């Protein structure tokens, strides 16, 4: 028996739209979220918008302040110092497991992404670099084949997306990031789990 396709709940669609607006910077870090305006622009009532904001609050993208409203989150330098070591541990484990489990054919499928990443780095295309970088991370997570690990990394990556432009626009950072990715990719292709994790 085939089950019917159930339409996604409206508040989840609204959460996706808001997430996209935050990533595109049409809702900026620290900005107060005008619920009436957004509900009007989206042609919805405030109820699904508020439910969507609760979802984004659990992801760390917005914060709800009593009697003040909702604001797009901002990450402090301390937040980044707390989060980056966790990301390094988790993504290191993703690389470790991917190096052990991935076939040569699966890894060969990542070649075009790494070539594109290098091209974006050379041209200084930060937005395109970030999107390609995201696809590479998603692919390595998939190759690791550990859903618990993937969920944890995905949740932290949502929060870190609030600061992505800040880090990649520092002088030399995009080139350094690209070199790091290419070194990890070499370790993956060599099926060197320890090196992939360390890098």
Protein backbone atom coordinates (compact mmCIF):
# COMPACT_ATOMS: atom_id res chain seq x y z
CA UNK A 1 0.00 0.00 0.00
CA UNK A 2 1.38 3.38 -1.03
CA UNK A 3 1.09 6.15 1.53
CA UNK A 4 -0.06 9.58 0.33
CA UNK A 5 2.42 12.42 0.32
CA UNK A 6 1.74 14.71 3.25
CA UNK A 7 2.39 18.40 2.70
CA UNK A 8 5.02 19.82 5.05
CA UNK A 9 3.53 21.84 7.91
CA UNK A 10 3.34 25.53 7.06
CA UNK A 11 5.53 26.59 9.98
CA UNK A 12 8.34 24.31 8.69
CA UNK A 13 8.13 25.94 5.26
CA UNK A 14 8.26 29.34 6.96
CA UNK A 15 11.29 28.19 9.02
CA UNK A 16 13.05 27.20 5.77
CA UNK A 17 12.29 30.60 4.27
CA UNK A 18 13.53 32.46 7.35
CA UNK A 19 16.67 30.32 7.50
CA UNK A 20 17.36 31.25 3.89
CA UNK A 21 16.81 34.94 4.64
CA UNK A 22 19.30 34.77 7.52
CA UNK A 23 21.88 32.99 5.38
CA UNK A 24 21.35 35.50 2.54
CA UNK A 25 21.71 38.35 5.08
CA UNK A 26 18.32 39.86 4.24
CA UNK A 27 17.79 39.33 7.98
CA UNK A 28 21.05 40.49 9.52
CA UNK A 29 22.83 39.49 12.73
CA UNK A 30 21.37 41.37 15.68
CA UNK A 31 18.35 42.59 13.70
CA UNK A 32 14.92 42.73 15.35
CA UNK A 33 12.47 40.54 13.44
CA UNK A 34 9.34 42.50 12.50
CA UNK A 35 6.73 39.73 12.74
CA UNK A 36 3.86 41.82 11.35
CA UNK A 37 5.85 42.87 8.28
CA UNK A 38 7.17 39.37 7.59
CA UNK A 39 3.77 37.74 8.04
CA UNK A 40 2.31 40.26 5.60
CA UNK A 41 5.08 39.73 3.05
CA UNK A 42 4.65 35.95 3.25
CA UNK A 43 0.87 36.13 3.19
CA UNK A 44 0.48 34.15 6.41
CA UNK A 45 -0.81 34.74 9.92
CA UNK A 46 1.59 35.34 12.80
CA UNK A 47 0.93 31.87 14.28
CA UNK A 48 3.01 29.83 11.78
CA UNK A 49 5.64 32.60 11.80
CA UNK A 50 5.95 32.36 15.59
CA UNK A 51 6.14 28.55 15.42
CA UNK A 52 8.89 28.88 12.81
CA UNK A 53 10.81 31.31 15.01
CA UNK A 54 10.68 28.77 17.85
CA UNK A 55 12.30 26.21 15.53
CA UNK A 56 15.05 28.68 14.62
CA UNK A 57 15.54 29.51 18.30
CA UNK A 58 16.24 25.83 19.06
CA UNK A 59 18.80 25.88 16.22
CA UNK A 60 20.50 28.95 17.71
CA UNK A 61 19.77 31.20 14.72
CA UNK A 62 17.43 33.56 16.59
CA UNK A 63 16.79 34.47 20.19
CA UNK A 64 13.42 35.19 21.75
CA UNK A 65 13.48 37.97 24.34
CA UNK A 66 10.47 38.47 26.65
CA UNK A 67 8.61 41.75 25.97
CA UNK A 68 11.17 42.71 23.30
CA UNK A 69 10.53 40.23 20.52
CA UNK A 70 12.77 38.07 18.38
CA UNK A 71 16.26 38.91 17.12
CA UNK A 72 18.67 37.27 14.70
CA UNK A 73 21.48 35.88 16.81
CA UNK A 74 25.00 37.22 16.80
CA UNK A 75 27.97 35.07 17.67
CA UNK A 76 30.55 36.60 19.96
CA UNK A 77 34.27 35.86 19.77
CA UNK A 78 33.78 33.66 22.85
CA UNK A 79 30.97 31.75 21.13
CA UNK A 80 33.28 31.01 18.22
CA UNK A 81 36.10 29.94 20.55
CA UNK A 82 33.67 27.55 22.23
CA UNK A 83 32.15 26.15 19.02
CA UNK A 84 35.16 25.73 16.70
CA UNK A 85 36.95 23.08 18.83
CA UNK A 86 33.70 21.08 18.95
CA UNK A 87 33.31 21.35 15.18
CA UNK A 88 36.92 20.28 14.70
CA UNK A 89 36.36 17.17 16.83
CA UNK A 90 33.10 16.23 15.12
CA UNK A 91 34.20 16.94 11.57
CA UNK A 92 37.52 15.21 12.26
CA UNK A 93 35.52 12.14 13.18
CA UNK A 94 33.48 12.50 9.96
CA UNK A 95 36.73 12.55 7.96
CA UNK A 96 38.05 9.54 9.90
CA UNK A 97 34.96 7.46 9.16
CA UNK A 98 34.71 8.61 5.55
CA UNK A 99 38.35 7.64 4.90
CA UNK A 100 37.59 4.14 6.22
CA UNK A 101 34.25 3.58 4.54
CA UNK A 102 34.29 5.43 1.19
CA UNK A 103 35.14 3.67 -2.04
CA UNK A 104 37.56 5.13 -4.57
CA UNK A 105 34.60 5.72 -6.91
CA UNK A 106 32.71 7.67 -4.24
CA UNK A 107 35.76 9.80 -3.52
CA UNK A 108 36.31 10.44 -7.24
CA UNK A 109 32.86 12.05 -7.31
CA UNK A 110 34.23 14.75 -4.99
CA UNK A 111 36.95 15.82 -7.48
CA UNK A 112 34.77 18.38 -9.33
CA UNK A 113 33.67 19.96 -6.06
CA UNK A 114 37.27 20.39 -4.93
CA UNK A 115 38.24 21.83 -8.32
CA UNK A 116 35.37 24.31 -8.07
CA UNK A 117 36.39 25.19 -4.50
CA UNK A 118 39.93 25.98 -5.64
CA UNK A 119 38.60 28.13 -8.48
CA UNK A 120 36.36 30.12 -6.15
CA UNK A 121 39.23 30.61 -3.68
CA UNK A 122 41.55 31.86 -6.42
CA UNK A 123 38.92 34.32 -7.67
CA UNK A 124 37.93 35.41 -4.14
CA UNK A 125 34.28 34.46 -4.67
CA UNK A 126 33.30 34.08 -1.01
CA UNK A 127 29.61 33.23 -1.49
CA UNK A 128 30.33 30.61 -4.17
CA UNK A 129 33.21 29.24 -2.07
CA UNK A 130 30.95 28.91 0.96
CA UNK A 131 28.25 27.06 -1.01
CA UNK A 132 30.77 24.63 -2.51
CA UNK A 133 32.45 24.18 0.88
CA UNK A 134 29.04 23.33 2.35
CA UNK A 135 28.45 20.68 -0.35
CA UNK A 136 31.85 19.11 0.37
CA UNK A 137 31.15 18.92 4.10
CA UNK A 138 27.73 17.39 3.43
CA UNK A 139 29.30 14.82 1.10
CA UNK A 140 31.97 13.82 3.63
CA UNK A 141 29.29 13.50 6.32
CA UNK A 142 27.29 11.24 4.02
CA UNK A 143 30.38 9.11 3.31
CA UNK A 144 30.99 8.80 7.06
CA UNK A 145 27.61 7.08 7.28
CA UNK A 146 26.94 8.03 10.91
CA UNK A 147 23.56 9.75 11.29
CA UNK A 148 24.14 10.76 14.93
CA UNK A 149 27.39 12.45 14.02
CA UNK A 150 25.85 14.05 10.95
CA UNK A 151 22.97 15.52 12.98
CA UNK A 152 25.33 17.03 15.55
CA UNK A 153 27.55 18.58 12.89
CA UNK A 154 24.53 19.88 10.98
CA UNK A 155 23.14 21.61 14.06
CA UNK A 156 26.43 23.34 14.85
CA UNK A 157 26.92 24.31 11.21
CA UNK A 158 23.57 26.14 11.25
CA UNK A 159 24.80 28.26 14.15
CA UNK A 160 28.22 28.86 12.58
CA UNK A 161 26.55 30.09 9.39
CA UNK A 162 25.90 33.32 11.31
CA UNK A 163 29.64 34.13 11.17
CA UNK A 164 30.70 32.62 7.85
CA UNK A 165 31.37 35.87 5.99
CA UNK A 166 33.35 37.24 8.90
CA UNK A 167 35.90 34.43 8.83
CA UNK A 168 36.28 33.96 5.06
CA UNK A 169 36.74 37.66 4.35
CA UNK A 170 39.88 37.90 6.53
CA UNK A 171 43.02 38.37 4.39
CA UNK A 172 44.42 35.01 3.29
CA UNK A 173 41.72 32.97 5.07
CA UNK A 174 40.00 31.71 1.92
CA UNK A 175 43.33 30.42 0.53
CA UNK A 176 44.20 28.81 3.86
CA UNK A 177 40.78 27.17 4.05
CA UNK A 178 41.12 25.83 0.51
CA UNK A 179 44.59 24.39 1.22
CA UNK A 180 43.17 22.68 4.32
CA UNK A 181 40.33 21.15 2.30
CA UNK A 182 42.65 19.89 -0.42
CA UNK A 183 44.96 18.28 2.17
CA UNK A 184 42.00 16.53 3.81
CA UNK A 185 40.83 15.33 0.40
CA UNK A 186 44.26 13.82 -0.30
CA UNK A 187 44.10 11.96 3.03
CA UNK A 188 40.60 10.71 2.18
CA UNK A 189 41.76 9.45 -1.22
CA UNK A 190 44.66 7.66 0.50
CA UNK A 191 42.15 6.11 2.96
CA UNK A 192 44.37 7.46 5.75
CA UNK A 193 41.82 7.81 8.56
CA UNK A 194 44.24 9.17 11.13
CA UNK A 195 45.62 11.85 8.80
CA UNK A 196 42.13 12.86 7.64
CA UNK A 197 41.02 13.25 11.24
CA UNK A 198 44.12 15.17 12.29
CA UNK A 199 43.90 17.54 9.34
